[in-house]
């Protein structure tokens, strides 16, 4: 075979293919196959990325579990709905009693009013319990601020430094309370002994 014929045949094949030569690396590979490995990556990133709205909802649920005021706010809506349902049941019961008194209808025993009333009282009891807890927490906070001006930290392992203006650790707080109790007891014993000595002298 003549090599000149091969050289003349190659440009003709390139012209038939559009005048564009195909490189050795891209021969036999379609453009769709080249771009396909890059497409699943953003989908995987979207699946792995957490949703900020779900995180906020979880944080709000955790805060609601610990906060008594938030519990009262949550219980207010069903308590109000239960009150309206109780009023409707009471109106229906009054209407039945009126018809029964006028001998227009037989007596029908209905326990819906009692059921709705008990449900309303249950919501009221839960709200009352949460509000009492909030009041007790506020009283304890005001008492601690009055009798113990220094802030108390829940940590039990941090060493306490006298020059540290930060919060007081819990062990130091307990020791301070014990010292106050002992001082009060000593003062009480001193006053009792002084009053006994005065009564004996008289």
N, C-alpha and C. Protein backbone atom coordinates (compact mmCIF):
# COMPACT_ATOMS: atom_id res chain seq x y z
N UNK A 1 0.85 -1.19 0.00
CA UNK A 1 0.00 0.00 0.00
C UNK A 1 0.88 1.22 0.00
N UNK A 2 0.46 2.23 -0.77
CA UNK A 2 1.25 3.45 -0.89
C UNK A 2 0.99 4.35 0.30
N UNK A 3 2.05 4.82 1.04
CA UNK A 3 1.82 5.70 2.20
C UNK A 3 1.26 7.03 1.81
N UNK A 4 1.49 7.48 0.57
CA UNK A 4 0.93 8.77 0.15
C UNK A 4 -0.58 8.72 0.07
N UNK A 5 -1.13 7.54 -0.25
CA UNK A 5 -2.58 7.41 -0.30
C UNK A 5 -3.18 7.53 1.08
N UNK A 6 -2.48 7.00 2.11
CA UNK A 6 -2.98 7.15 3.48
C UNK A 6 -2.96 8.59 3.93
N UNK A 7 -1.93 9.30 3.56
CA UNK A 7 -1.84 10.71 3.94
C UNK A 7 -2.93 11.52 3.29
N UNK A 8 -3.28 11.19 2.02
CA UNK A 8 -4.37 11.92 1.36
C UNK A 8 -5.72 11.50 1.91
N UNK A 9 -5.85 10.30 2.42
CA UNK A 9 -7.15 9.83 2.93
C UNK A 9 -7.49 10.43 4.27
N UNK A 10 -6.49 10.75 5.10
CA UNK A 10 -6.77 11.30 6.43
C UNK A 10 -7.41 12.67 6.38
N UNK A 11 -6.96 13.62 5.52
CA UNK A 11 -7.67 14.90 5.46
C UNK A 11 -9.07 14.76 4.97
N UNK A 12 -9.34 13.79 4.05
CA UNK A 12 -10.70 13.62 3.58
C UNK A 12 -11.61 13.13 4.69
N UNK A 13 -11.10 12.24 5.56
CA UNK A 13 -11.92 11.78 6.67
C UNK A 13 -12.20 12.90 7.66
N UNK A 14 -11.20 13.78 7.86
CA UNK A 14 -11.41 14.90 8.76
C UNK A 14 -12.43 15.87 8.20
N UNK A 15 -12.43 16.09 6.87
CA UNK A 15 -13.42 16.97 6.28
C UNK A 15 -14.81 16.38 6.40
N UNK A 16 -14.95 15.06 6.25
CA UNK A 16 -16.26 14.44 6.40
C UNK A 16 -16.77 14.54 7.83
N UNK A 17 -15.89 14.53 8.81
CA UNK A 17 -16.30 14.63 10.21
C UNK A 17 -16.49 16.06 10.66
N UNK A 18 -16.38 17.02 9.76
CA UNK A 18 -16.62 18.40 10.14
C UNK A 18 -15.37 19.20 10.20
N UNK A 19 -14.25 18.64 9.77
CA UNK A 19 -13.00 19.39 9.77
C UNK A 19 -12.38 19.52 11.13
N UNK A 20 -12.81 18.72 12.09
CA UNK A 20 -12.28 18.80 13.45
C UNK A 20 -11.62 17.48 13.75
N UNK A 21 -10.37 17.52 14.18
CA UNK A 21 -9.66 16.31 14.53
C UNK A 21 -10.01 15.86 15.92
N UNK A 22 -10.02 14.56 16.13
CA UNK A 22 -10.35 13.98 17.41
C UNK A 22 -9.08 13.56 18.08
N UNK A 23 -8.87 14.01 19.31
CA UNK A 23 -7.65 13.70 20.05
C UNK A 23 -7.66 12.29 20.55
N UNK A 24 -6.52 11.79 20.99
CA UNK A 24 -6.46 10.40 21.47
C UNK A 24 -7.17 10.20 22.78
N UNK A 25 -7.26 11.26 23.63
CA UNK A 25 -7.87 11.08 24.95
C UNK A 25 -9.39 11.08 24.87
N UNK A 26 -9.95 11.85 23.90
CA UNK A 26 -11.40 11.97 23.81
C UNK A 26 -12.00 11.07 22.78
N UNK A 27 -11.24 10.19 22.17
CA UNK A 27 -11.77 9.32 21.12
C UNK A 27 -12.65 8.25 21.76
N UNK A 28 -13.88 8.12 21.27
CA UNK A 28 -14.79 7.09 21.74
C UNK A 28 -15.53 7.45 23.02
N UNK A 29 -15.44 8.67 23.53
CA UNK A 29 -16.10 9.08 24.77
C UNK A 29 -17.09 10.16 24.43
N UNK A 30 -18.36 9.97 24.75
CA UNK A 30 -19.39 10.96 24.44
C UNK A 30 -19.36 12.09 25.45
N UNK A 31 -19.87 13.29 25.08
CA UNK A 31 -19.90 14.40 26.06
C UNK A 31 -20.77 14.11 27.26
N UNK A 32 -21.85 13.31 27.10
CA UNK A 32 -22.70 13.00 28.24
C UNK A 32 -21.98 12.16 29.27
N UNK A 33 -21.13 11.22 28.78
CA UNK A 33 -20.38 10.39 29.71
C UNK A 33 -19.32 11.20 30.44
N UNK A 34 -18.77 12.24 29.80
CA UNK A 34 -17.77 13.07 30.47
C UNK A 34 -18.38 13.93 31.56
N UNK A 35 -19.61 14.41 31.37
CA UNK A 35 -20.22 15.30 32.37
C UNK A 35 -21.04 14.56 33.41
N UNK A 36 -21.31 13.25 33.20
CA UNK A 36 -22.16 12.53 34.14
C UNK A 36 -21.55 12.34 35.51
N UNK A 37 -20.23 12.13 35.72
CA UNK A 37 -19.73 11.95 37.09
C UNK A 37 -19.83 13.20 37.94
N UNK A 38 -19.95 14.39 37.34
CA UNK A 38 -20.00 15.62 38.11
C UNK A 38 -21.41 15.97 38.57
N UNK A 39 -22.45 15.33 38.02
CA UNK A 39 -23.81 15.69 38.38
C UNK A 39 -24.24 15.16 39.74
N UNK A 40 -23.92 13.93 40.16
CA UNK A 40 -24.41 13.47 41.47
C UNK A 40 -23.79 14.19 42.65
N UNK A 41 -22.69 14.90 42.50
CA UNK A 41 -22.03 15.53 43.64
C UNK A 41 -22.90 16.58 44.32
N UNK A 42 -23.49 17.56 43.58
CA UNK A 42 -24.34 18.52 44.29
C UNK A 42 -25.56 17.89 44.91
N UNK A 43 -26.09 16.78 44.32
CA UNK A 43 -27.23 16.12 44.93
C UNK A 43 -26.85 15.49 46.25
N UNK A 44 -25.66 14.89 46.30
CA UNK A 44 -25.21 14.32 47.57
C UNK A 44 -24.98 15.39 48.61
N UNK A 45 -24.45 16.54 48.19
CA UNK A 45 -24.24 17.63 49.14
C UNK A 45 -25.55 18.16 49.67
N UNK A 46 -26.58 18.23 48.79
CA UNK A 46 -27.87 18.70 49.26
C UNK A 46 -28.50 17.72 50.23
N UNK A 47 -28.29 16.40 50.00
CA UNK A 47 -28.84 15.42 50.92
C UNK A 47 -28.12 15.44 52.26
N UNK A 48 -26.83 15.65 52.27
CA UNK A 48 -26.07 15.65 53.51
C UNK A 48 -26.21 16.95 54.27
N UNK A 49 -26.52 18.06 53.61
CA UNK A 49 -26.60 19.35 54.29
C UNK A 49 -27.83 19.39 55.18
N UNK A 50 -27.71 19.79 56.47
CA UNK A 50 -28.86 19.85 57.37
C UNK A 50 -29.76 21.03 57.04
N UNK A 51 -31.03 20.86 57.31
CA UNK A 51 -32.01 21.92 57.08
C UNK A 51 -32.03 22.86 58.27
N UNK A 52 -31.81 24.17 58.08
CA UNK A 52 -31.80 25.09 59.23
C UNK A 52 -33.16 25.22 59.89
N UNK A 53 -34.24 25.05 59.14
CA UNK A 53 -35.57 25.15 59.74
C UNK A 53 -35.82 24.00 60.70
N UNK A 54 -35.36 22.79 60.34
CA UNK A 54 -35.53 21.66 61.25
C UNK A 54 -34.72 21.85 62.52
N UNK A 55 -33.51 22.41 62.40
CA UNK A 55 -32.71 22.67 63.59
C UNK A 55 -33.39 23.69 64.49
N UNK A 56 -33.96 24.74 63.92
CA UNK A 56 -34.66 25.73 64.73
C UNK A 56 -35.87 25.13 65.42
N UNK A 57 -36.61 24.27 64.72
CA UNK A 57 -37.76 23.64 65.34
C UNK A 57 -37.35 22.73 66.49
N UNK A 58 -36.25 21.98 66.31
CA UNK A 58 -35.77 21.13 67.39
C UNK A 58 -35.33 21.95 68.59
N UNK A 59 -34.63 23.07 68.34
CA UNK A 59 -34.22 23.92 69.44
C UNK A 59 -35.42 24.52 70.15
N UNK A 60 -36.43 24.92 69.41
CA UNK A 60 -37.62 25.47 70.04
C UNK A 60 -38.35 24.42 70.86
N UNK A 61 -38.40 23.18 70.37
CA UNK A 61 -39.04 22.12 71.13
C UNK A 61 -38.28 21.83 72.42
N UNK A 62 -36.95 21.84 72.35
CA UNK A 62 -36.17 21.62 73.57
C UNK A 62 -36.36 22.76 74.55
N UNK A 63 -36.42 23.99 74.04
CA UNK A 63 -36.63 25.13 74.92
C UNK A 63 -38.01 25.09 75.55
N UNK A 64 -39.02 24.65 74.77
CA UNK A 64 -40.37 24.56 75.31
C UNK A 64 -40.46 23.50 76.41
N UNK A 65 -39.68 22.44 76.29
CA UNK A 65 -39.71 21.41 77.32
C UNK A 65 -39.14 21.91 78.64
N UNK A 66 -38.24 22.85 78.60
CA UNK A 66 -37.58 23.33 79.81
C UNK A 66 -38.18 24.61 80.35
N UNK A 67 -38.92 25.36 79.54
CA UNK A 67 -39.41 26.67 79.94
C UNK A 67 -40.87 26.54 80.37
N UNK A 68 -41.18 26.95 81.62
CA UNK A 68 -42.55 26.87 82.11
C UNK A 68 -43.46 27.89 81.45
N UNK A 69 -42.93 29.06 81.14
CA UNK A 69 -43.76 30.09 80.50
C UNK A 69 -44.18 29.63 79.11
N UNK A 70 -43.28 28.98 78.39
CA UNK A 70 -43.63 28.46 77.07
C UNK A 70 -44.69 27.37 77.17
N UNK A 71 -44.63 26.57 78.22
CA UNK A 71 -45.66 25.55 78.41
C UNK A 71 -47.03 26.19 78.64
N UNK A 72 -47.05 27.29 79.40
CA UNK A 72 -48.32 27.99 79.62
C UNK A 72 -48.87 28.53 78.31
N UNK A 73 -47.99 29.08 77.48
CA UNK A 73 -48.43 29.59 76.18
C UNK A 73 -48.97 28.47 75.29
N UNK A 74 -48.36 27.29 75.38
CA UNK A 74 -48.83 26.17 74.58
C UNK A 74 -50.18 25.67 75.08
N UNK A 75 -50.38 25.66 76.40
CA UNK A 75 -51.63 25.16 76.97
C UNK A 75 -52.78 26.15 76.84
N UNK A 76 -52.49 27.41 76.54
CA UNK A 76 -53.55 28.42 76.50
C UNK A 76 -54.54 28.15 75.37
N UNK A 77 -54.03 27.81 74.18
CA UNK A 77 -54.91 27.59 73.03
C UNK A 77 -55.85 26.40 73.24
N UNK A 78 -55.38 25.20 73.65
CA UNK A 78 -56.33 24.11 73.89
C UNK A 78 -57.27 24.38 75.06
N UNK A 79 -56.80 25.13 76.07
CA UNK A 79 -57.69 25.48 77.17
C UNK A 79 -58.83 26.36 76.69
N UNK A 80 -58.52 27.33 75.84
CA UNK A 80 -59.56 28.20 75.29
C UNK A 80 -60.55 27.41 74.43
N UNK A 81 -60.03 26.51 73.60
CA UNK A 81 -60.91 25.68 72.78
C UNK A 81 -61.77 24.77 73.63
N UNK A 82 -61.20 24.24 74.71
CA UNK A 82 -61.97 23.40 75.61
C UNK A 82 -63.07 24.19 76.31
N UNK A 83 -62.80 25.45 76.64
CA UNK A 83 -63.82 26.29 77.26
C UNK A 83 -64.99 26.54 76.30
N UNK A 84 -64.68 26.82 75.04
CA UNK A 84 -65.75 27.03 74.05
C UNK A 84 -66.57 25.76 73.85
N UNK A 85 -65.90 24.61 73.83
CA UNK A 85 -66.62 23.34 73.68
C UNK A 85 -67.50 23.08 74.90
N UNK A 86 -67.03 23.45 76.08
CA UNK A 86 -67.83 23.29 77.29
C UNK A 86 -69.06 24.16 77.25
N UNK A 87 -68.93 25.39 76.76
CA UNK A 87 -70.08 26.28 76.63
C UNK A 87 -71.11 25.71 75.64
N UNK A 88 -70.63 25.15 74.54
CA UNK A 88 -71.56 24.56 73.57
C UNK A 88 -72.30 23.37 74.19
N UNK A 89 -71.56 22.54 74.91
CA UNK A 89 -72.20 21.39 75.56
C UNK A 89 -73.19 21.84 76.62
N UNK A 90 -72.87 22.91 77.34
CA UNK A 90 -73.79 23.43 78.36
C UNK A 90 -75.06 23.98 77.72
N UNK A 91 -74.91 24.68 76.60
CA UNK A 91 -76.09 25.21 75.90
C UNK A 91 -76.97 24.08 75.38
N UNK A 92 -76.33 23.03 74.85
CA UNK A 92 -77.10 21.88 74.37
C UNK A 92 -77.83 21.19 75.51
N UNK A 93 -77.18 21.08 76.66
CA UNK A 93 -77.81 20.44 77.82
C UNK A 93 -78.98 21.26 78.33
N UNK A 94 -78.82 22.59 78.36
CA UNK A 94 -79.93 23.45 78.78
C UNK A 94 -81.11 23.34 77.82
N UNK A 95 -80.82 23.26 76.55
CA UNK A 95 -81.90 23.12 75.57
C UNK A 95 -82.64 21.80 75.76
N UNK A 96 -81.90 20.73 76.02
CA UNK A 96 -82.55 19.45 76.26
C UNK A 96 -83.40 19.48 77.52
N UNK A 97 -82.88 20.10 78.57
CA UNK A 97 -83.65 20.19 79.81
C UNK A 97 -84.93 21.01 79.63
N UNK A 98 -84.83 22.07 78.82
CA UNK A 98 -86.02 22.88 78.56
C UNK A 98 -87.08 22.09 77.81
N UNK A 99 -86.65 21.34 76.81
CA UNK A 99 -87.61 20.52 76.07
C UNK A 99 -88.19 19.41 76.94
N UNK A 100 -87.38 18.89 77.84
CA UNK A 100 -87.87 17.85 78.74
C UNK A 100 -88.89 18.41 79.71
N UNK A 101 -88.63 19.63 80.22
CA UNK A 101 -89.59 20.25 81.14
C UNK A 101 -90.92 20.54 80.46
N UNK A 102 -90.90 20.86 79.19
CA UNK A 102 -92.13 21.13 78.45
C UNK A 102 -92.77 19.86 77.89
N UNK A 103 -92.21 18.71 78.26
CA UNK A 103 -92.74 17.40 77.84
C UNK A 103 -92.78 17.25 76.33
N UNK A 104 -91.82 17.85 75.68
CA UNK A 104 -91.74 17.72 74.24
C UNK A 104 -90.75 16.65 73.80
N UNK A 105 -89.94 16.19 74.70
CA UNK A 105 -88.94 15.19 74.35
C UNK A 105 -88.63 14.38 75.59
N UNK A 106 -88.27 13.13 75.37
CA UNK A 106 -87.89 12.28 76.49
C UNK A 106 -86.53 12.68 77.02
N UNK A 107 -86.26 12.28 78.26
CA UNK A 107 -84.99 12.61 78.90
C UNK A 107 -83.88 11.78 78.27
N UNK A 108 -82.84 12.45 77.83
CA UNK A 108 -81.67 11.79 77.24
C UNK A 108 -80.46 12.09 78.12
N UNK A 109 -79.92 11.06 78.70
CA UNK A 109 -78.74 11.23 79.55
C UNK A 109 -77.51 11.45 78.67
N UNK A 110 -76.89 12.60 78.85
CA UNK A 110 -75.70 12.94 78.06
C UNK A 110 -74.58 13.33 79.01
N UNK A 111 -73.43 12.70 78.83
CA UNK A 111 -72.26 12.99 79.69
C UNK A 111 -71.23 13.84 78.97
N UNK A 112 -71.59 14.47 77.85
CA UNK A 112 -70.61 15.27 77.11
C UNK A 112 -70.22 16.52 77.90
N UNK A 113 -71.20 17.12 78.56
CA UNK A 113 -70.88 18.34 79.31
C UNK A 113 -69.90 18.04 80.44
N UNK A 114 -70.12 16.98 81.18
CA UNK A 114 -69.21 16.62 82.27
C UNK A 114 -67.81 16.29 81.74
N UNK A 115 -67.77 15.62 80.60
CA UNK A 115 -66.47 15.26 80.01
C UNK A 115 -65.70 16.51 79.60
N UNK A 116 -66.37 17.45 78.91
CA UNK A 116 -65.70 18.67 78.47
C UNK A 116 -65.31 19.54 79.66
N UNK A 117 -66.15 19.54 80.70
CA UNK A 117 -65.82 20.34 81.88
C UNK A 117 -64.59 19.79 82.60
N UNK A 118 -64.49 18.46 82.71
CA UNK A 118 -63.31 17.86 83.32
C UNK A 118 -62.05 18.15 82.49
N UNK A 119 -62.19 18.13 81.17
CA UNK A 119 -61.04 18.44 80.31
C UNK A 119 -60.59 19.89 80.50
N UNK A 120 -61.56 20.79 80.62
CA UNK A 120 -61.22 22.20 80.84
C UNK A 120 -60.51 22.38 82.18
N UNK A 121 -61.01 21.72 83.23
CA UNK A 121 -60.36 21.82 84.54
C UNK A 121 -58.96 21.20 84.52
N UNK A 122 -58.76 20.17 83.71
CA UNK A 122 -57.43 19.56 83.61
C UNK A 122 -56.43 20.55 83.00
N UNK A 123 -56.84 21.27 81.96
CA UNK A 123 -55.96 22.30 81.38
C UNK A 123 -55.69 23.42 82.39
N UNK A 124 -56.72 23.79 83.13
CA UNK A 124 -56.53 24.85 84.14
C UNK A 124 -55.55 24.41 85.23
N UNK A 125 -55.64 23.14 85.65
CA UNK A 125 -54.72 22.64 86.67
C UNK A 125 -53.27 22.63 86.15
N UNK A 126 -53.09 22.25 84.90
CA UNK A 126 -51.73 22.25 84.34
C UNK A 126 -51.16 23.67 84.26
N UNK A 127 -51.99 24.61 83.83
CA UNK A 127 -51.52 26.00 83.75
C UNK A 127 -51.22 26.54 85.14
N UNK A 128 -52.07 26.21 86.11
CA UNK A 128 -51.83 26.66 87.49
C UNK A 128 -50.52 26.09 88.03
N UNK A 129 -50.25 24.82 87.74
CA UNK A 129 -49.01 24.20 88.20
C UNK A 129 -47.79 24.89 87.59
N UNK A 130 -47.84 25.19 86.31
CA UNK A 130 -46.71 25.86 85.65
C UNK A 130 -46.51 27.27 86.21
N UNK A 131 -47.61 27.99 86.44
CA UNK A 131 -47.49 29.35 86.98
C UNK A 131 -46.95 29.33 88.41
N UNK A 132 -47.37 28.36 89.21
CA UNK A 132 -46.82 28.25 90.57
C UNK A 132 -45.32 27.95 90.53
N UNK A 133 -44.92 27.11 89.58
CA UNK A 133 -43.48 26.81 89.44
C UNK A 133 -42.70 28.06 89.06
N UNK A 134 -43.27 28.87 88.16
CA UNK A 134 -42.60 30.11 87.76
C UNK A 134 -42.50 31.06 88.95
N UNK A 135 -43.56 31.17 89.75
CA UNK A 135 -43.53 32.05 90.93
C UNK A 135 -42.49 31.59 91.95
N UNK A 136 -42.41 30.29 92.16
CA UNK A 136 -41.41 29.77 93.10
C UNK A 136 -39.99 30.03 92.60
N UNK A 137 -39.78 29.88 91.30
CA UNK A 137 -38.46 30.17 90.73
C UNK A 137 -38.10 31.64 90.90
N UNK A 138 -39.07 32.52 90.69
CA UNK A 138 -38.82 33.95 90.86
C UNK A 138 -38.53 34.29 92.33
N UNK A 139 -39.25 33.66 93.25
CA UNK A 139 -38.99 33.89 94.67
C UNK A 139 -37.61 33.40 95.08
N UNK A 140 -37.22 32.23 94.58
CA UNK A 140 -35.88 31.73 94.88
C UNK A 140 -34.80 32.62 94.28
N UNK A 141 -35.06 33.14 93.08
CA UNK A 141 -34.09 34.02 92.46
C UNK A 141 -33.93 35.32 93.24
N UNK A 142 -35.06 35.90 93.66
CA UNK A 142 -34.98 37.15 94.43
C UNK A 142 -34.32 36.91 95.79
N UNK A 143 -34.60 35.77 96.42
CA UNK A 143 -33.97 35.47 97.71
C UNK A 143 -32.47 35.25 97.55
N UNK A 144 -32.08 34.55 96.49
CA UNK A 144 -30.65 34.33 96.29
C UNK A 144 -29.92 35.63 95.97
N UNK A 145 -30.56 36.53 95.24
CA UNK A 145 -29.93 37.82 94.96
C UNK A 145 -29.85 38.69 96.20
N UNK A 146 -30.82 38.52 97.11
CA UNK A 146 -30.82 39.34 98.33
C UNK A 146 -29.82 38.83 99.36
N UNK A 147 -29.80 37.52 99.59
CA UNK A 147 -28.94 36.95 100.62
C UNK A 147 -27.58 36.52 100.09
N UNK A 148 -27.46 36.34 98.80
CA UNK A 148 -26.20 35.90 98.21
C UNK A 148 -25.95 36.72 96.96
N UNK A 149 -25.36 37.91 97.09
CA UNK A 149 -25.19 38.78 95.91
C UNK A 149 -24.34 38.15 94.81
N UNK A 150 -23.36 37.31 95.17
CA UNK A 150 -22.50 36.70 94.16
C UNK A 150 -23.25 35.65 93.35
N UNK A 151 -22.99 35.62 92.06
CA UNK A 151 -23.65 34.63 91.19
C UNK A 151 -23.11 33.23 91.47
N UNK A 152 -23.97 32.24 91.40
CA UNK A 152 -23.61 30.85 91.68
C UNK A 152 -23.59 30.08 90.37
N UNK A 153 -22.47 29.42 90.10
CA UNK A 153 -22.33 28.62 88.89
C UNK A 153 -22.62 27.16 89.22
N UNK A 154 -23.23 26.40 88.30
CA UNK A 154 -23.51 25.00 88.59
C UNK A 154 -22.30 24.09 88.53
N UNK A 155 -21.14 24.62 88.14
CA UNK A 155 -19.95 23.79 88.01
C UNK A 155 -19.44 23.36 89.38
N UNK A 156 -18.99 22.10 89.49
CA UNK A 156 -18.48 21.56 90.75
C UNK A 156 -16.99 21.29 90.70
N UNK A 157 -16.35 21.48 89.57
CA UNK A 157 -14.95 21.12 89.42
C UNK A 157 -14.03 22.33 89.29
N UNK A 158 -14.54 23.49 88.96
CA UNK A 158 -13.68 24.64 88.76
C UNK A 158 -13.17 25.15 90.12
N UNK A 159 -11.87 25.40 90.24
CA UNK A 159 -11.36 25.96 91.50
C UNK A 159 -11.79 27.40 91.67
N UNK A 160 -12.03 27.77 92.90
CA UNK A 160 -12.49 29.13 93.20
C UNK A 160 -11.30 29.98 93.64
N UNK A 161 -11.17 31.13 93.04
CA UNK A 161 -10.12 32.09 93.38
C UNK A 161 -10.76 33.30 94.05
N UNK A 162 -10.12 33.78 95.09
CA UNK A 162 -10.69 34.92 95.81
C UNK A 162 -10.69 36.18 94.95
N UNK A 163 -9.71 36.31 94.08
CA UNK A 163 -9.63 37.50 93.23
C UNK A 163 -10.46 37.38 91.95
N UNK A 164 -11.14 36.27 91.79
CA UNK A 164 -11.91 36.06 90.57
C UNK A 164 -13.27 36.73 90.70
N UNK A 165 -13.59 37.73 89.87
CA UNK A 165 -14.90 38.37 89.98
C UNK A 165 -16.02 37.59 89.32
N UNK A 166 -15.73 36.42 88.77
CA UNK A 166 -16.73 35.65 88.04
C UNK A 166 -17.67 34.93 88.98
N UNK A 167 -18.46 34.01 88.45
CA UNK A 167 -19.43 33.28 89.27
C UNK A 167 -18.76 32.41 90.32
N UNK A 168 -19.46 32.19 91.42
CA UNK A 168 -18.96 31.36 92.51
C UNK A 168 -19.30 29.90 92.24
N UNK A 169 -18.35 28.99 92.32
CA UNK A 169 -18.66 27.57 92.12
C UNK A 169 -19.59 27.04 93.20
N UNK A 170 -20.21 25.93 92.89
CA UNK A 170 -21.20 25.35 93.80
C UNK A 170 -20.59 24.89 95.13
N UNK A 171 -19.44 24.23 95.16
CA UNK A 171 -18.88 23.84 96.47
C UNK A 171 -18.60 25.02 97.38
N UNK A 172 -18.08 26.11 96.82
CA UNK A 172 -17.83 27.30 97.64
C UNK A 172 -19.13 27.88 98.15
N UNK A 173 -20.16 27.84 97.34
CA UNK A 173 -21.47 28.32 97.77
C UNK A 173 -22.00 27.49 98.95
N UNK A 174 -21.83 26.17 98.87
CA UNK A 174 -22.26 25.32 99.98
C UNK A 174 -21.48 25.61 101.26
N UNK A 175 -20.18 25.80 101.14
CA UNK A 175 -19.38 26.12 102.32
C UNK A 175 -19.80 27.45 102.93
N UNK A 176 -20.10 28.43 102.08
CA UNK A 176 -20.55 29.73 102.59
C UNK A 176 -21.88 29.59 103.32
N UNK A 177 -22.78 28.79 102.79
CA UNK A 177 -24.07 28.58 103.45
C UNK A 177 -23.88 27.89 104.79
N UNK A 178 -22.99 26.92 104.85
CA UNK A 178 -22.73 26.23 106.13
C UNK A 178 -22.17 27.20 107.17
N UNK A 179 -21.27 28.08 106.74
CA UNK A 179 -20.71 29.07 107.67
C UNK A 179 -21.80 30.00 108.19
N UNK A 180 -22.72 30.42 107.31
CA UNK A 180 -23.82 31.29 107.74
C UNK A 180 -24.73 30.58 108.73
N UNK A 181 -25.01 29.30 108.47
CA UNK A 181 -25.87 28.54 109.38
C UNK A 181 -25.21 28.39 110.75
N UNK A 182 -23.92 28.07 110.76
CA UNK A 182 -23.21 27.92 112.03
C UNK A 182 -23.15 29.24 112.79
N UNK A 183 -22.92 30.33 112.08
CA UNK A 183 -22.88 31.64 112.74
C UNK A 183 -24.24 32.00 113.33
N UNK A 184 -25.30 31.71 112.61
CA UNK A 184 -26.64 31.98 113.13
C UNK A 184 -26.94 31.12 114.36
N UNK A 185 -26.50 29.87 114.33
CA UNK A 185 -26.72 28.99 115.48
C UNK A 185 -25.94 29.49 116.70
N UNK A 186 -24.69 29.90 116.49
CA UNK A 186 -23.90 30.43 117.61
C UNK A 186 -24.53 31.69 118.19
N UNK A 187 -25.03 32.56 117.32
CA UNK A 187 -25.68 33.78 117.81
C UNK A 187 -26.94 33.45 118.59
N UNK A 188 -27.69 32.48 118.14
CA UNK A 188 -28.91 32.07 118.85
C UNK A 188 -28.56 31.51 120.23
N UNK A 189 -27.53 30.65 120.30
CA UNK A 189 -27.13 30.09 121.59
C UNK A 189 -26.65 31.19 122.54
N UNK A 190 -25.94 32.16 122.00
CA UNK A 190 -25.47 33.27 122.85
C UNK A 190 -26.63 34.08 123.41
N UNK A 191 -27.62 34.35 122.59
CA UNK A 191 -28.79 35.11 123.06
C UNK A 191 -29.58 34.32 124.10
N UNK A 192 -29.70 33.01 123.91
CA UNK A 192 -30.43 32.19 124.89
C UNK A 192 -29.71 32.17 126.23
N UNK A 193 -28.38 31.98 126.18
CA UNK A 193 -27.62 31.97 127.44
C UNK A 193 -27.66 33.33 128.12
N UNK A 194 -27.63 34.41 127.35
CA UNK A 194 -27.70 35.74 127.95
C UNK A 194 -29.06 35.98 128.60
N UNK A 195 -30.12 35.54 127.95
CA UNK A 195 -31.45 35.72 128.54
C UNK A 195 -31.61 34.88 129.81
N UNK A 196 -31.02 33.67 129.84
CA UNK A 196 -31.08 32.85 131.06
C UNK A 196 -30.30 33.50 132.20
N UNK A 197 -29.15 34.07 131.90
CA UNK A 197 -28.37 34.73 132.94
C UNK A 197 -29.11 35.94 133.50
N UNK A 198 -29.78 36.66 132.63
CA UNK A 198 -30.54 37.84 133.11
C UNK A 198 -31.70 37.41 133.98
N UNK A 199 -32.39 36.32 133.59
CA UNK A 199 -33.52 35.85 134.40
C UNK A 199 -33.05 35.30 135.75
N UNK A 200 -31.89 34.65 135.80
CA UNK A 200 -31.36 34.16 137.07
C UNK A 200 -30.91 35.30 137.98
N UNK A 201 -30.38 36.35 137.39
CA UNK A 201 -29.94 37.49 138.20
C UNK A 201 -31.12 38.22 138.82
N UNK A 202 -32.25 38.24 138.13
CA UNK A 202 -33.43 38.89 138.69
C UNK A 202 -34.00 38.06 139.82
